[in-house]
Amino acid sequence: MTRKTTPRPNKPDDFEARWRKHRLLVRLGQVLIGAGALVAIIHWLAHLEAFGPGQPPGWLDLAAGYPTGLVLVIAGAILAGRKRPTAKS
C-alpha cells in the first residue's frame, strides 16, 4: 500500500527567524563565558581561602575547578563567535 503525499508549498526563506536564532545563540554563548569566568574566579578564591580555612579537595580541582571554567568559556566563545546570517544563505 503506497501513501500519497502532497508536496509542501515552498516556504520562503525567513531571514528574521534565522536572525532571532542567531542572536539567541550568541547571547547564550555570552552567558556561558560569564559562567565559566565565575566558576574560575570562585575556584581561585577558594584556593586563597576566602571562604574559610582549607583547600578544595583534589577531585574538585580536577572536575569543577579551572577545567570546568575553561570548558564553559570555550563553549561560550564558540557560540558567541557565530557568523552573522546573510540574506542570501
C-alpha atoms as a PDB file:
ATOM      1  CA  MET A   1       0.000   0.000   0.000  1.00  0.00           C
ATOM      2  CA  THR A   2       1.526   3.289  -1.037  1.00  0.00           C
ATOM      3  CA  ARG A   3       0.687   6.516   0.617  1.00  0.00           C
ATOM      4  CA  LYS A   4       0.031   9.577  -1.446  1.00  0.00           C
ATOM      5  CA  THR A   5       1.863  12.602  -0.242  1.00  0.00           C
ATOM      6  CA  THR A   6       1.071  16.114  -1.168  1.00  0.00           C
ATOM      7  CA  PRO A   7       4.072  18.297  -1.783  1.00  0.00           C
ATOM      8  CA  ARG A   8       4.554  21.043   0.742  1.00  0.00           C
ATOM      9  CA  PRO A   9       4.447  24.548  -0.577  1.00  0.00           C
ATOM     10  CA  ASN A  10       7.859  26.141  -0.742  1.00  0.00           C
ATOM     11  CA  LYS A  11       8.312  28.269   2.341  1.00  0.00           C
ATOM     12  CA  PRO A  12      10.234  31.442   1.621  1.00  0.00           C
ATOM     13  CA  ASP A  13      13.490  31.811   3.475  1.00  0.00           C
ATOM     14  CA  ASP A  14      12.704  33.547   6.758  1.00  0.00           C
ATOM     15  CA  PHE A  15      15.665  35.839   7.448  1.00  0.00           C
ATOM     16  CA  GLU A  16      14.094  37.255  10.616  1.00  0.00           C
ATOM     17  CA  ALA A  17      13.735  33.792  12.156  1.00  0.00           C
ATOM     18  CA  ARG A  18      17.358  32.970  11.366  1.00  0.00           C
ATOM     19  CA  TRP A  19      18.447  36.311  12.857  1.00  0.00           C
ATOM     20  CA  ARG A  20      16.481  35.671  16.086  1.00  0.00           C
ATOM     21  CA  LYS A  21      18.033  32.206  16.406  1.00  0.00           C
ATOM     22  CA  HIS A  22      21.481  33.669  15.765  1.00  0.00           C
ATOM     23  CA  ARG A  23      21.039  36.350  18.454  1.00  0.00           C
ATOM     24  CA  LEU A  24      19.717  33.780  20.938  1.00  0.00           C
ATOM     25  CA  LEU A  25      22.757  31.539  20.429  1.00  0.00           C
ATOM     26  CA  VAL A  26      25.149  34.495  20.690  1.00  0.00           C
ATOM     27  CA  ARG A  27      23.538  35.595  23.975  1.00  0.00           C
ATOM     28  CA  LEU A  28      23.697  32.009  25.264  1.00  0.00           C
ATOM     29  CA  GLY A  29      27.400  31.965  24.406  1.00  0.00           C
ATOM     30  CA  GLN A  30      27.944  35.206  26.283  1.00  0.00           C
ATOM     31  CA  VAL A  31      26.178  33.773  29.330  1.00  0.00           C
ATOM     32  CA  LEU A  32      28.380  30.658  29.167  1.00  0.00           C
ATOM     33  CA  ILE A  33      31.511  32.829  29.014  1.00  0.00           C
ATOM     34  CA  GLY A  34      30.343  34.682  32.121  1.00  0.00           C
ATOM     35  CA  ALA A  35      29.510  31.457  33.925  1.00  0.00           C
ATOM     36  CA  GLY A  36      32.921  29.976  33.089  1.00  0.00           C
ATOM     37  CA  ALA A  37      34.686  33.079  34.350  1.00  0.00           C
ATOM     38  CA  LEU A  38      32.609  32.976  37.524  1.00  0.00           C
ATOM     39  CA  VAL A  39      33.484  29.306  38.135  1.00  0.00           C
ATOM     40  CA  ALA A  40      37.196  30.028  37.671  1.00  0.00           C
ATOM     41  CA  ILE A  41      37.106  33.110  39.944  1.00  0.00           C
ATOM     42  CA  ILE A  42      35.238  31.273  42.707  1.00  0.00           C
ATOM     43  CA  HIS A  43      37.697  28.393  42.443  1.00  0.00           C
ATOM     44  CA  TRP A  44      40.629  30.813  42.666  1.00  0.00           C
ATOM     45  CA  LEU A  45      39.078  32.472  45.731  1.00  0.00           C
ATOM     46  CA  ALA A  46      38.640  29.047  47.325  1.00  0.00           C
ATOM     47  CA  HIS A  47      42.381  28.456  46.875  1.00  0.00           C
ATOM     48  CA  LEU A  48      43.023  31.782  48.580  1.00  0.00           C
ATOM     49  CA  GLU A  49      40.837  30.510  51.455  1.00  0.00           C
ATOM     50  CA  ALA A  50      38.407  33.403  51.082  1.00  0.00           C
ATOM     51  CA  PHE A  51      35.514  31.158  52.115  1.00  0.00           C
ATOM     52  CA  GLY A  52      37.176  29.701  55.183  1.00  0.00           C
ATOM     53  CA  PRO A  53      40.224  27.637  56.027  1.00  0.00           C
ATOM     54  CA  GLY A  54      41.200  24.645  53.939  1.00  0.00           C
ATOM     55  CA  GLN A  55      41.882  23.966  50.294  1.00  0.00           C
ATOM     56  CA  PRO A  56      39.370  22.353  47.925  1.00  0.00           C
ATOM     57  CA  PRO A  57      39.775  18.583  47.660  1.00  0.00           C
ATOM     58  CA  GLY A  58      41.808  17.180  44.769  1.00  0.00           C
ATOM     59  CA  TRP A  59      38.827  15.778  42.887  1.00  0.00           C
ATOM     60  CA  LEU A  60      37.251  19.246  42.946  1.00  0.00           C
ATOM     61  CA  ASP A  61      40.396  20.676  41.366  1.00  0.00           C
ATOM     62  CA  LEU A  62      40.149  18.143  38.546  1.00  0.00           C
ATOM     63  CA  ALA A  63      36.387  18.203  37.996  1.00  0.00           C
ATOM     64  CA  ALA A  64      34.842  21.501  38.978  1.00  0.00           C
ATOM     65  CA  GLY A  65      37.671  23.977  39.158  1.00  0.00           C
ATOM     66  CA  TYR A  66      39.649  25.587  36.406  1.00  0.00           C
ATOM     67  CA  PRO A  67      38.943  22.880  33.774  1.00  0.00           C
ATOM     68  CA  THR A  68      35.181  23.385  34.038  1.00  0.00           C
ATOM     69  CA  GLY A  69      35.588  27.136  33.860  1.00  0.00           C
ATOM     70  CA  LEU A  70      37.787  26.774  30.784  1.00  0.00           C
ATOM     71  CA  VAL A  71      35.347  24.413  29.049  1.00  0.00           C
ATOM     72  CA  LEU A  72      32.471  26.821  29.699  1.00  0.00           C
ATOM     73  CA  VAL A  73      34.473  29.775  28.365  1.00  0.00           C
ATOM     74  CA  ILE A  74      35.493  27.863  25.220  1.00  0.00           C
ATOM     75  CA  ALA A  75      31.945  26.617  24.549  1.00  0.00           C
ATOM     76  CA  GLY A  76      30.606  30.125  25.084  1.00  0.00           C
ATOM     77  CA  ALA A  77      33.213  31.608  22.759  1.00  0.00           C
ATOM     78  CA  ILE A  78      32.260  29.145  20.039  1.00  0.00           C
ATOM     79  CA  LEU A  79      28.601  30.134  20.323  1.00  0.00           C
ATOM     80  CA  ALA A  80      29.240  33.853  20.755  1.00  0.00           C
ATOM     81  CA  GLY A  81      31.591  33.929  17.772  1.00  0.00           C
ATOM     82  CA  ARG A  82      28.984  32.769  15.288  1.00  0.00           C
ATOM     83  CA  LYS A  83      28.923  34.336  11.856  1.00  0.00           C
ATOM     84  CA  ARG A  84      26.016  36.635  11.106  1.00  0.00           C
ATOM     85  CA  PRO A  85      23.360  35.108   8.893  1.00  0.00           C
ATOM     86  CA  THR A  86      23.141  36.709   5.489  1.00  0.00           C
ATOM     87  CA  ALA A  87      20.033  37.391   3.468  1.00  0.00           C
ATOM     88  CA  LYS A  88      21.206  35.072   0.668  1.00  0.00           C
ATOM     89  CA  SER A  89      22.135  31.948   2.647  1.00  0.00           C
END
